[in-house]
N, C-alpha and C. Protein backbone atom coordinates (compact mmCIF):
# COMPACT_ATOMS: atom_id res chain seq x y z
N MET A 1 6.11 35.73 -37.21
CA MET A 1 7.52 35.24 -36.85
C MET A 1 7.72 34.80 -35.49
N LYS A 2 6.96 36.42 -34.92
CA LYS A 2 7.02 36.32 -33.47
C LYS A 2 6.41 34.85 -32.36
N LYS A 3 5.10 34.63 -33.54
CA LYS A 3 3.88 33.78 -33.00
C LYS A 3 4.61 32.45 -33.02
N GLN A 4 4.95 32.35 -34.39
CA GLN A 4 5.52 30.99 -34.37
C GLN A 4 6.81 30.32 -33.46
N VAL A 5 7.64 31.60 -33.04
CA VAL A 5 8.52 31.25 -31.89
C VAL A 5 8.17 31.11 -30.50
N ILE A 6 7.20 31.68 -30.55
CA ILE A 6 6.17 31.25 -28.97
C ILE A 6 5.48 29.98 -29.17
N LYS A 7 4.38 29.51 -30.02
CA LYS A 7 4.37 28.43 -30.67
C LYS A 7 5.42 27.28 -30.29
N GLY A 8 6.62 27.07 -31.09
CA GLY A 8 7.20 26.50 -31.08
C GLY A 8 8.15 26.13 -29.37
N MET A 9 8.23 27.43 -28.85
CA MET A 9 8.24 27.04 -27.02
C MET A 9 7.62 26.32 -26.73
N LEU A 10 6.73 26.62 -26.26
CA LEU A 10 5.18 26.48 -25.89
C LEU A 10 5.37 24.54 -26.15
N ALA A 11 5.60 24.12 -27.74
CA ALA A 11 5.24 22.70 -28.04
C ALA A 11 6.24 22.52 -27.28
N ALA A 12 7.69 23.00 -27.35
CA ALA A 12 8.59 21.96 -26.51
C ALA A 12 9.16 21.89 -25.17
N SER A 13 8.30 22.75 -24.74
CA SER A 13 8.07 23.35 -23.07
C SER A 13 6.81 22.09 -22.46
N ALA A 14 6.05 21.76 -23.88
CA ALA A 14 4.95 20.25 -23.13
C ALA A 14 5.18 19.28 -23.52
N ALA A 15 6.84 19.23 -24.39
CA ALA A 15 6.84 17.57 -24.47
C ALA A 15 8.28 17.58 -23.64
N ALA A 16 8.94 18.41 -22.98
CA ALA A 16 9.72 18.52 -22.44
C ALA A 16 8.98 17.78 -21.06
N LEU A 17 7.75 17.94 -20.81
CA LEU A 17 7.27 17.87 -19.40
C LEU A 17 6.51 16.39 -19.29
N MET A 18 6.29 16.32 -20.82
CA MET A 18 5.88 14.87 -21.09
C MET A 18 6.74 13.71 -20.69
N LEU A 19 8.22 14.10 -20.73
CA LEU A 19 9.22 13.29 -20.76
C LEU A 19 9.56 12.87 -19.12
N GLY A 20 8.44 13.49 -18.40
CA GLY A 20 8.83 13.11 -16.74
C GLY A 20 6.92 13.03 -16.08
N VAL A 21 6.12 12.28 -17.30
CA VAL A 21 5.35 12.22 -16.78
C VAL A 21 4.74 11.65 -15.34
N SER A 22 4.09 12.40 -14.44
CA SER A 22 4.08 11.75 -13.09
C SER A 22 3.29 11.28 -12.96
N ALA A 23 3.01 10.24 -12.27
CA ALA A 23 2.17 9.09 -11.65
C ALA A 23 1.68 9.83 -10.98
N ALA A 24 0.42 9.31 -10.20
CA ALA A 24 -0.40 9.28 -8.75
C ALA A 24 -0.50 8.05 -8.23
N HIS A 25 0.26 7.68 -6.91
CA HIS A 25 0.06 6.08 -6.68
C HIS A 25 -0.49 6.15 -5.70
N ALA A 26 -1.35 5.31 -5.50
CA ALA A 26 -2.19 5.19 -4.42
C ALA A 26 -1.70 3.61 -3.95
N ASN A 27 -1.58 3.15 -2.65
CA ASN A 27 -1.26 1.75 -2.19
C ASN A 27 -2.37 1.19 -2.23
N VAL A 28 -3.00 0.37 -2.83
CA VAL A 28 -3.77 -0.73 -2.32
C VAL A 28 -4.20 -0.99 -1.45
N ILE A 29 -5.04 -1.14 -0.67
CA ILE A 29 -5.13 -1.79 0.74
C ILE A 29 -4.95 -2.99 0.34
N ASP A 30 -4.66 -4.11 0.80
CA ASP A 30 -4.76 -5.54 0.79
C ASP A 30 -5.82 -6.25 1.49
N GLU A 31 -6.17 -7.27 1.23
CA GLU A 31 -7.66 -8.28 1.58
C GLU A 31 -6.91 -8.99 3.13
N LEU A 32 -8.54 -8.74 3.83
CA LEU A 32 -8.12 -8.93 5.14
C LEU A 32 -8.52 -10.99 5.19
N VAL A 33 -7.68 -11.81 5.74
CA VAL A 33 -8.59 -13.00 5.27
C VAL A 33 -8.67 -13.58 6.50
N GLY A 34 -8.35 -13.24 7.75
CA GLY A 34 -9.02 -13.35 8.91
C GLY A 34 -8.07 -12.80 10.12
N SER A 35 -8.52 -13.32 11.38
CA SER A 35 -7.73 -12.76 12.78
C SER A 35 -8.48 -13.37 13.72
N ALA A 36 -7.72 -13.39 14.81
CA ALA A 36 -7.54 -14.13 15.70
C ALA A 36 -6.93 -13.84 17.02
N LYS A 37 -7.21 -14.02 18.05
CA LYS A 37 -6.60 -13.63 19.35
C LYS A 37 -5.80 -15.53 19.72
N LEU A 38 -4.66 -15.02 19.58
CA LEU A 38 -3.76 -16.16 19.52
C LEU A 38 -3.43 -16.39 21.22
N GLY A 39 -3.03 -17.72 21.65
CA GLY A 39 -1.99 -17.67 23.16
C GLY A 39 -1.11 -17.51 23.12
N ASN A 40 -0.41 -17.16 22.30
CA ASN A 40 1.07 -17.04 21.77
C ASN A 40 1.60 -16.46 20.67
N SER A 41 2.82 -15.67 20.69
CA SER A 41 2.91 -15.13 19.37
C SER A 41 4.59 -16.11 19.09
N GLY A 42 4.89 -17.40 19.22
CA GLY A 42 5.84 -18.57 18.65
C GLY A 42 5.26 -18.51 17.16
N ASP A 43 6.56 -18.23 16.75
CA ASP A 43 6.62 -18.73 14.76
C ASP A 43 5.93 -20.08 14.84
N GLY A 44 5.62 -21.13 15.46
CA GLY A 44 5.05 -22.15 15.04
C GLY A 44 3.66 -22.21 14.96
N THR A 45 3.19 -21.39 16.43
CA THR A 45 2.03 -20.84 16.43
C THR A 45 1.20 -20.11 15.67
N GLU A 46 2.30 -19.01 15.19
CA GLU A 46 1.93 -18.05 13.90
C GLU A 46 1.89 -18.94 12.86
N LEU A 47 2.47 -19.44 12.54
CA LEU A 47 2.45 -20.20 11.14
C LEU A 47 1.49 -20.74 10.85
N ALA A 48 1.03 -21.98 11.93
CA ALA A 48 0.06 -22.52 12.01
C ALA A 48 -1.66 -22.04 11.73
N PHE A 49 -1.42 -21.00 12.39
CA PHE A 49 -2.93 -19.97 12.42
C PHE A 49 -2.74 -19.29 11.07
N ILE A 50 -1.89 -18.92 10.24
CA ILE A 50 -1.31 -18.62 8.58
C ILE A 50 -2.01 -19.83 7.64
N ARG A 51 -1.89 -20.86 8.11
CA ARG A 51 -2.00 -22.03 7.18
C ARG A 51 -3.08 -22.44 7.39
N SER A 52 -3.79 -22.19 8.36
CA SER A 52 -5.48 -22.74 8.42
C SER A 52 -6.28 -21.79 8.23
N ILE A 53 -6.00 -20.22 8.02
CA ILE A 53 -6.80 -19.44 7.94
C ILE A 53 -6.83 -19.14 6.24
N THR A 54 -5.55 -19.29 5.57
CA THR A 54 -5.62 -19.53 4.41
C THR A 54 -5.33 -20.69 3.46
N GLY A 55 -5.65 -21.70 4.39
CA GLY A 55 -5.86 -23.29 3.94
C GLY A 55 -4.99 -23.54 2.76
N ASP A 56 -3.82 -23.39 2.66
CA ASP A 56 -2.71 -23.63 2.21
C ASP A 56 -1.50 -24.08 3.39
N ASN A 57 -1.49 -25.32 3.34
CA ASN A 57 -0.43 -25.90 4.19
C ASN A 57 1.35 -26.33 3.95
N THR A 58 1.21 -25.52 3.10
CA THR A 58 2.71 -25.93 2.60
C THR A 58 3.53 -24.06 2.71
N LEU A 59 2.45 -23.19 2.84
CA LEU A 59 3.38 -21.55 3.29
C LEU A 59 4.44 -21.75 4.52
N THR A 60 5.21 -21.11 4.39
CA THR A 60 6.46 -21.12 5.17
C THR A 60 6.93 -19.71 5.94
N LEU A 61 6.88 -19.50 6.82
CA LEU A 61 7.49 -18.01 7.07
C LEU A 61 8.93 -17.63 6.43
N ASP A 62 8.48 -16.51 5.63
CA ASP A 62 9.87 -15.91 4.68
C ASP A 62 10.93 -15.09 5.81
N PHE A 63 10.10 -14.28 6.46
CA PHE A 63 10.46 -13.26 7.52
C PHE A 63 9.62 -13.08 8.40
N LYS A 64 10.15 -12.38 10.08
CA LYS A 64 9.15 -11.83 10.69
C LYS A 64 10.09 -10.92 11.41
N ILE A 65 9.74 -9.37 11.62
CA ILE A 65 10.26 -8.16 11.70
C ILE A 65 9.37 -7.98 13.28
N ASN A 66 10.40 -7.77 14.32
CA ASN A 66 9.80 -6.79 15.82
C ASN A 66 9.71 -5.72 15.76
N ASP A 67 9.28 -4.94 16.26
CA ASP A 67 9.32 -3.79 16.56
C ASP A 67 10.23 -2.84 17.19
N ASN A 68 11.62 -3.69 17.68
CA ASN A 68 13.17 -3.40 17.79
C ASN A 68 13.84 -3.52 16.56
N ASP A 69 13.50 -3.75 15.36
CA ASP A 69 14.03 -3.89 14.84
C ASP A 69 14.72 -3.27 13.91
N SER A 70 15.70 -2.73 13.54
CA SER A 70 16.20 -1.32 12.49
C SER A 70 15.10 -1.19 11.10
N SER A 71 14.88 -2.72 10.72
CA SER A 71 13.86 -2.68 9.75
C SER A 71 12.36 -1.90 9.53
N PHE A 72 12.49 -2.01 10.92
CA PHE A 72 11.06 -1.63 10.69
C PHE A 72 10.25 -0.23 11.28
N ASN A 73 9.80 -0.29 10.02
CA ASN A 73 9.15 1.38 9.54
C ASN A 73 8.24 1.31 9.05
N VAL A 74 7.11 1.70 9.42
CA VAL A 74 5.52 1.88 9.76
C VAL A 74 5.66 3.18 8.67
N MET A 75 4.75 3.45 7.90
CA MET A 75 4.46 4.74 7.33
C MET A 75 2.99 5.02 6.99
N SER A 76 2.58 6.25 7.16
CA SER A 76 1.14 6.46 6.82
C SER A 76 0.81 6.24 4.94
N ASN A 77 -0.29 6.16 4.69
CA ASN A 77 -0.90 5.57 3.75
C ASN A 77 -2.07 6.70 3.34
N GLY A 78 -2.20 7.84 3.67
CA GLY A 78 -2.99 8.51 3.93
C GLY A 78 -3.43 8.47 4.84
N LEU A 79 -4.98 8.68 5.22
CA LEU A 79 -6.02 9.01 6.34
C LEU A 79 -6.55 7.09 6.43
N ASP A 80 -6.11 6.80 8.39
CA ASP A 80 -6.60 5.89 8.19
C ASP A 80 -6.67 4.52 7.63
N SER A 81 -4.96 4.09 7.02
CA SER A 81 -4.46 3.22 6.21
C SER A 81 -2.86 3.15 6.75
N TRP A 82 -2.25 2.39 6.67
CA TRP A 82 -0.65 2.21 6.59
C TRP A 82 -0.16 1.18 5.68
N PHE A 83 1.17 1.31 6.13
CA PHE A 83 2.03 0.53 4.58
C PHE A 83 3.10 0.44 5.13
N ILE A 84 3.85 -0.65 4.77
CA ILE A 84 5.29 -0.99 5.22
C ILE A 84 6.09 -1.50 4.00
N ASP A 85 7.13 -0.66 3.85
CA ASP A 85 8.06 -1.60 2.23
C ASP A 85 8.74 -2.32 2.76
N VAL A 86 8.42 -3.88 2.11
CA VAL A 86 9.37 -5.12 2.45
C VAL A 86 9.93 -5.20 1.77
N ALA A 87 10.62 -4.65 0.00
CA ALA A 87 11.36 -4.85 -0.54
C ALA A 87 12.58 -4.91 -0.60
N PRO A 88 13.25 -6.30 -0.79
CA PRO A 88 12.96 -6.90 -2.21
C PRO A 88 11.93 -7.76 -2.08
N ASP A 89 11.50 -8.03 -0.57
CA ASP A 89 10.36 -9.32 -0.29
C ASP A 89 9.63 -9.12 -1.29
N THR A 90 8.25 -10.20 -1.77
CA THR A 90 6.89 -10.11 -2.06
C THR A 90 5.87 -10.67 -1.62
N PRO A 91 5.67 -10.67 -0.66
CA PRO A 91 5.21 -12.02 0.47
C PRO A 91 3.58 -12.27 -0.35
N GLY A 92 3.35 -13.12 -0.44
CA GLY A 92 1.96 -13.94 -0.53
C GLY A 92 0.76 -13.24 0.09
N TYR A 93 1.58 -13.98 1.54
CA TYR A 93 0.41 -13.37 3.11
C TYR A 93 1.35 -12.74 3.77
N PHE A 94 0.72 -11.93 4.90
CA PHE A 94 1.42 -11.42 5.84
C PHE A 94 -0.02 -11.44 6.93
N MET A 95 0.85 -11.15 8.12
CA MET A 95 0.30 -10.69 9.29
C MET A 95 0.64 -10.13 10.16
N LEU A 96 -0.28 -9.67 10.70
CA LEU A 96 0.22 -8.45 11.64
C LEU A 96 0.18 -8.87 12.84
N LYS A 97 1.19 -8.92 14.02
CA LYS A 97 0.69 -8.91 15.62
C LYS A 97 0.01 -7.28 16.45
N LEU A 98 -0.90 -7.19 16.95
CA LEU A 98 -1.34 -5.93 17.79
C LEU A 98 -1.56 -6.73 19.12
N GLY A 99 -0.35 -5.49 20.06
CA GLY A 99 -0.67 -5.84 21.27
C GLY A 99 -2.27 -5.63 21.89
N VAL A 100 -2.82 -6.38 22.45
CA VAL A 100 -4.32 -5.99 23.78
C VAL A 100 -4.00 -6.70 24.55
N PRO A 101 -4.52 -5.87 25.82
CA PRO A 101 -4.55 -6.79 27.08
C PRO A 101 -5.26 -8.07 26.78
N GLY A 102 -4.64 -9.04 27.88
CA GLY A 102 -4.95 -10.22 28.02
C GLY A 102 -6.48 -10.48 28.16
N ASN A 103 -7.04 -9.20 28.79
CA ASN A 103 -8.81 -9.31 29.41
C ASN A 103 -9.21 -9.18 28.35
N SER A 104 -8.73 -8.41 27.08
CA SER A 104 -9.69 -7.89 25.96
C SER A 104 -10.31 -8.98 25.44
N THR A 105 -11.43 -8.79 24.09
CA THR A 105 -12.05 -9.96 23.50
C THR A 105 -11.39 -9.20 22.15
N LEU A 106 -10.64 -8.06 21.96
CA LEU A 106 -9.92 -7.90 20.79
C LEU A 106 -8.98 -9.05 19.86
N HIS A 107 -9.20 -9.02 18.86
CA HIS A 107 -8.06 -10.15 17.95
C HIS A 107 -6.42 -9.82 18.29
N SER A 108 -6.06 -10.22 18.07
CA SER A 108 -4.03 -9.81 18.14
C SER A 108 -3.53 -10.29 17.06
N HIS A 109 -3.83 -11.32 16.39
CA HIS A 109 -3.00 -10.93 14.64
C HIS A 109 -4.20 -11.28 13.59
N TYR A 110 -3.62 -10.33 12.85
CA TYR A 110 -4.54 -10.28 11.22
C TYR A 110 -3.49 -10.59 10.64
N VAL A 111 -4.41 -11.98 9.47
CA VAL A 111 -3.86 -12.58 7.98
C VAL A 111 -4.65 -11.63 6.99
N PHE A 112 -3.62 -10.90 6.16
CA PHE A 112 -4.04 -10.43 4.77
C PHE A 112 -3.68 -11.42 3.55
N LYS A 113 -4.41 -10.94 2.25
CA LYS A 113 -3.36 -11.61 1.34
C LYS A 113 -3.30 -10.44 0.61
N ASN A 114 -1.43 -10.39 -0.24
CA ASN A 114 -1.07 -8.96 -0.23
C ASN A 114 -1.41 -9.89 -2.09
N ILE A 115 -2.34 -8.35 -2.17
CA ILE A 115 -2.89 -8.04 -3.26
C ILE A 115 -2.21 -6.87 -4.64
N GLY A 116 -1.93 -6.11 -3.70
CA GLY A 116 -1.47 -4.61 -4.37
C GLY A 116 -0.12 -4.81 -5.01
N GLU A 117 0.13 -3.00 -4.59
CA GLU A 117 2.13 -3.86 -4.86
C GLU A 117 2.68 -4.83 -3.97
N LEU A 118 3.09 -6.05 -4.42
CA LEU A 118 3.63 -6.75 -3.64
C LEU A 118 4.57 -6.88 -2.75
N ASP A 119 5.43 -5.70 -2.93
CA ASP A 119 6.34 -5.55 -1.86
C ASP A 119 6.07 -4.24 -0.74
N LYS A 120 4.46 -4.14 -0.62
CA LYS A 120 4.00 -3.10 0.18
C LYS A 120 2.94 -4.08 1.08
N LEU A 121 2.53 -4.02 2.53
CA LEU A 121 1.87 -4.58 3.21
C LEU A 121 1.18 -3.59 3.76
N VAL A 122 -0.39 -3.18 2.90
CA VAL A 122 -1.10 -2.25 3.36
C VAL A 122 -2.19 -2.69 4.21
N TRP A 123 -2.87 -1.81 5.15
CA TRP A 123 -4.03 -2.23 5.69
C TRP A 123 -4.47 -1.09 6.15
N SER A 124 -5.92 -1.01 6.79
CA SER A 124 -6.58 0.02 7.32
C SER A 124 -7.03 -0.09 8.24
N ASN A 125 -7.22 1.09 9.25
CA ASN A 125 -7.32 0.87 11.02
C ASN A 125 -8.51 -0.07 10.96
N ASP A 126 -9.99 0.24 10.30
CA ASP A 126 -11.10 -0.69 10.22
C ASP A 126 -10.86 -1.89 10.63
N GLN A 127 -9.59 -2.42 9.19
CA GLN A 127 -9.38 -4.03 9.43
C GLN A 127 -8.96 -4.53 10.39
N VAL A 128 -8.22 -3.88 11.25
CA VAL A 128 -7.67 -4.39 12.86
C VAL A 128 -8.03 -3.95 13.49
N ASN A 129 -9.96 -3.86 13.54
CA ASN A 129 -10.38 -2.68 14.66
C ASN A 129 -9.68 -1.69 15.36
N TYR A 130 -9.52 -0.76 14.31
CA TYR A 130 -9.04 0.72 14.61
C TYR A 130 -7.97 0.29 15.78
N LEU A 131 -6.83 -0.62 16.25
CA LEU A 131 -6.17 -1.05 17.28
C LEU A 131 -4.56 0.00 16.69
N THR A 132 -4.82 0.30 15.23
CA THR A 132 -3.28 1.13 14.65
C THR A 132 -3.87 2.81 14.92
N GLY A 133 -5.91 2.85 15.26
CA GLY A 133 -5.96 4.01 15.22
C GLY A 133 -7.29 4.41 15.31
N GLY A 134 -7.49 5.17 15.80
CA GLY A 134 -8.89 5.50 15.72
C GLY A 134 -9.35 5.25 17.68
N ASN A 135 -10.24 5.20 17.88
CA ASN A 135 -11.09 4.24 19.11
C ASN A 135 -11.52 2.73 18.97
N CYS A 136 -10.64 1.95 19.38
CA CYS A 136 -10.79 0.63 19.70
C CYS A 136 -11.28 0.18 20.94
N GLY A 137 -12.00 1.15 21.31
CA GLY A 137 -12.18 0.94 23.29
C GLY A 137 -11.72 0.38 24.16
N LEU A 138 -10.22 0.62 24.28
CA LEU A 138 -9.43 -0.14 24.78
C LEU A 138 -9.26 0.86 26.03
N ASN A 139 -9.42 0.59 27.59
CA ASN A 139 -8.78 1.61 28.02
C ASN A 139 -9.47 3.19 28.35
N GLY A 140 -10.78 3.26 27.73
CA GLY A 140 -11.85 4.37 27.48
C GLY A 140 -10.70 5.41 27.13
N SER A 141 -10.00 5.21 25.98
CA SER A 141 -9.71 6.69 25.93
C SER A 141 -9.38 5.98 24.38
N PRO A 142 -9.93 7.05 23.43
CA PRO A 142 -9.53 6.93 21.90
C PRO A 142 -7.80 6.73 21.43
N ASN A 143 -7.48 7.47 23.10
CA ASN A 143 -5.88 7.63 22.18
C ASN A 143 -4.62 6.44 21.95
N SER A 144 -5.67 5.36 23.52
CA SER A 144 -4.66 4.25 23.61
C SER A 144 -4.63 3.44 22.27
N CYS A 145 -5.29 3.69 21.23
CA CYS A 145 -4.91 3.02 20.35
C CYS A 145 -4.39 3.86 19.15
N ASN A 146 -3.02 3.17 18.64
CA ASN A 146 -2.45 3.80 17.76
C ASN A 146 -1.25 2.70 17.41
N ILE A 147 -0.90 3.15 16.11
CA ILE A 147 0.65 2.27 15.44
C ILE A 147 1.35 1.71 16.63
N GLY A 148 1.62 2.15 17.42
CA GLY A 148 2.77 1.69 18.64
C GLY A 148 2.05 -0.08 19.20
N ARG A 149 0.88 0.13 19.43
CA ARG A 149 0.67 -1.49 19.42
C ARG A 149 1.10 -2.15 18.48
N LEU A 150 1.57 -2.29 17.04
CA LEU A 150 2.26 -2.92 16.11
C LEU A 150 3.37 -3.71 16.95
N SER A 151 3.56 -5.09 17.06
CA SER A 151 4.68 -5.23 17.77
C SER A 151 5.26 -6.05 17.00
N HIS A 152 4.71 -7.02 15.49
CA HIS A 152 5.40 -7.10 14.58
C HIS A 152 4.87 -8.14 13.70
N TYR A 153 4.93 -8.44 12.95
CA TYR A 153 4.92 -8.88 11.40
C TYR A 153 5.50 -9.53 10.83
N VAL A 154 4.69 -10.71 9.78
CA VAL A 154 5.95 -11.55 9.44
C VAL A 154 5.05 -11.94 7.85
N GLY A 155 5.77 -12.29 6.91
CA GLY A 155 5.30 -12.61 5.75
C GLY A 155 5.72 -14.13 5.05
N THR A 156 4.99 -14.44 4.02
CA THR A 156 5.13 -16.32 3.61
C THR A 156 5.19 -15.81 2.36
N GLN A 157 5.80 -16.64 2.05
CA GLN A 157 5.55 -16.70 0.24
C GLN A 157 4.34 -17.88 -0.13
N GLY A 158 3.61 -17.95 -1.36
CA GLY A 158 2.29 -18.05 -1.19
C GLY A 158 1.55 -17.06 -2.92
N ILE A 159 0.54 -17.44 -3.23
CA ILE A 159 -0.09 -16.92 -4.23
C ILE A 159 -0.79 -15.40 -3.39
N GLY A 160 0.01 -14.14 -3.84
CA GLY A 160 -0.79 -13.46 -3.35
C GLY A 160 -1.52 -12.59 -5.17
N GLY A 161 -0.89 -11.27 -5.52
CA GLY A 161 -1.14 -10.98 -6.50
C GLY A 161 -2.04 -9.87 -6.78
N GLU A 162 -1.73 -9.10 -8.05
CA GLU A 162 -2.62 -8.11 -8.52
C GLU A 162 -3.99 -8.36 -8.81
N ASP A 163 -4.66 -7.22 -7.72
CA ASP A 163 -6.15 -7.25 -7.95
C ASP A 163 -6.36 -6.84 -9.72
N PRO A 164 -7.15 -7.56 -10.34
CA PRO A 164 -7.31 -7.18 -11.48
C PRO A 164 -8.12 -5.89 -11.83
N GLU A 165 -8.82 -5.76 -10.71
CA GLU A 165 -9.60 -4.64 -11.01
C GLU A 165 -9.19 -3.02 -10.47
N VAL A 166 -8.24 -3.30 -9.72
CA VAL A 166 -7.26 -2.36 -9.16
C VAL A 166 -6.17 -1.79 -9.85
N PRO A 167 -5.77 -0.68 -10.72
CA PRO A 167 -5.10 -0.67 -11.36
C PRO A 167 -3.88 0.13 -10.54
N GLY A 168 -2.27 -0.11 -10.59
CA GLY A 168 -1.30 0.53 -9.72
C GLY A 168 -1.10 1.54 -9.33
N GLU A 169 -1.05 2.51 -11.04
CA GLU A 169 -0.49 3.37 -11.02
C GLU A 169 -1.06 4.38 -12.23
N ILE A 170 -2.15 5.35 -11.94
CA ILE A 170 -3.03 6.48 -12.47
C ILE A 170 -2.05 7.66 -12.73
N PRO A 171 -2.52 7.74 -14.22
CA PRO A 171 -1.80 8.93 -14.48
C PRO A 171 -2.35 9.96 -13.88
N GLU A 172 -1.88 11.67 -13.91
CA GLU A 172 -2.51 12.29 -13.35
C GLU A 172 -3.17 13.52 -14.43
N PRO A 173 -4.22 13.35 -14.01
CA PRO A 173 -5.49 14.48 -15.24
C PRO A 173 -4.44 15.48 -15.90
N ALA A 174 -3.38 16.41 -15.20
CA ALA A 174 -3.18 17.71 -15.36
C ALA A 174 -2.19 16.98 -16.21
N SER A 175 -1.15 16.21 -15.63
CA SER A 175 -0.14 15.37 -16.70
C SER A 175 -0.78 15.16 -18.24
N MET A 176 -1.77 14.19 -18.22
CA MET A 176 -1.82 14.32 -19.42
C MET A 176 -2.99 15.44 -20.26
N LEU A 177 -3.24 16.41 -19.60
CA LEU A 177 -4.15 17.14 -20.35
C LEU A 177 -3.01 18.59 -20.60
N LEU A 178 -1.71 18.46 -19.99
CA LEU A 178 -0.68 19.34 -20.54
C LEU A 178 -0.23 18.38 -21.93
N PHE A 179 0.40 17.31 -21.90
CA PHE A 179 0.42 16.29 -22.84
C PHE A 179 -0.58 16.38 -24.24
N GLY A 180 -1.85 16.73 -24.35
CA GLY A 180 -2.95 16.75 -24.92
C GLY A 180 -2.47 18.41 -25.66
N ALA A 181 -2.22 19.09 -25.00
CA ALA A 181 -2.08 20.30 -24.97
C ALA A 181 -1.04 20.92 -26.17
N GLY A 182 -0.34 19.61 -26.02
CA GLY A 182 1.03 19.88 -26.26
C GLY A 182 1.08 19.33 -27.87
N LEU A 183 0.42 18.23 -28.25
CA LEU A 183 -0.02 17.45 -29.06
C LEU A 183 -1.00 18.56 -30.59
N LEU A 184 -1.43 19.24 -29.44
CA LEU A 184 -2.75 19.83 -30.34
C LEU A 184 -1.90 21.08 -30.61
N GLY A 185 -1.41 21.70 -29.98
CA GLY A 185 0.09 22.45 -30.27
C GLY A 185 0.75 22.48 -31.67
N LEU A 186 1.50 21.28 -31.54
CA LEU A 186 2.44 20.75 -32.56
C LEU A 186 0.93 20.72 -33.73
N GLY A 187 -0.29 19.89 -33.75
CA GLY A 187 -0.39 19.40 -34.91
C GLY A 187 -0.93 21.13 -35.56
N LEU A 188 -1.58 22.19 -34.83
CA LEU A 188 -2.08 23.10 -35.21
C LEU A 188 -0.76 24.04 -36.19
N SER A 189 0.78 23.64 -35.37
CA SER A 189 1.22 24.46 -35.62
C SER A 189 2.03 24.04 -37.61
N ARG A 190 1.93 22.50 -37.59
CA ARG A 190 2.18 21.82 -38.63
C ARG A 190 1.09 22.46 -39.53
N ARG A 191 0.07 21.95 -38.97
CA ARG A 191 -1.15 22.66 -40.16
C ARG A 191 -1.35 23.79 -40.71
N ARG A 192 -0.73 24.69 -39.81
CA ARG A 192 -0.57 25.99 -40.59
C ARG A 192 0.28 26.50 -41.63
N LYS A 193 1.88 25.74 -40.99
CA LYS A 193 2.51 25.43 -41.91
C LYS A 193 2.31 25.41 -43.42
N LEU A 194 1.31 23.86 -43.13
CA LEU A 194 1.10 23.60 -44.70
C LEU A 194 0.34 23.98 -45.76
N VAL A 195 -0.57 24.95 -44.79
CA VAL A 195 -1.75 26.25 -45.47
C VAL A 195 -1.21 27.38 -46.47
């Protein structure tokens, strides 16, 4: 009797834990479409650049957020990558404008196709020549390149979309193992009752 109570408690615990199956979520790094050093950061110049680099002349600017705006919130996406949550907006394309010295050959504007979670703008340091982190070669100091160089970002409507080869949510192995153990325990306890 005591064994059956213990088995029942284990099965109930496993079932209760499975009601809240967690998922590990990694933000998918969006696809860099192109970059350039533009003469200015006016809306017309930036929109013309986005249209030319994407080949879509129907695009319009949906939003432009500057670094002094209260909704300007950049978060780390793990080692060497960043993301900005723009929910409820879901831009098809977005552009980052990074500050570079006038005499630098580094690009200042980077256009991305939004392919993962459409309400997140995700990029890695290497996609923007390490201007948001790492050694970009400016001022002879690796510390001169950090997320503080991000001046503003813009989003456009357009066709982004899920990358069919990259799943959005990945179940955690421990949760799946626990779920399987719970099912096995339930099956074995019922089988024992039948015998």
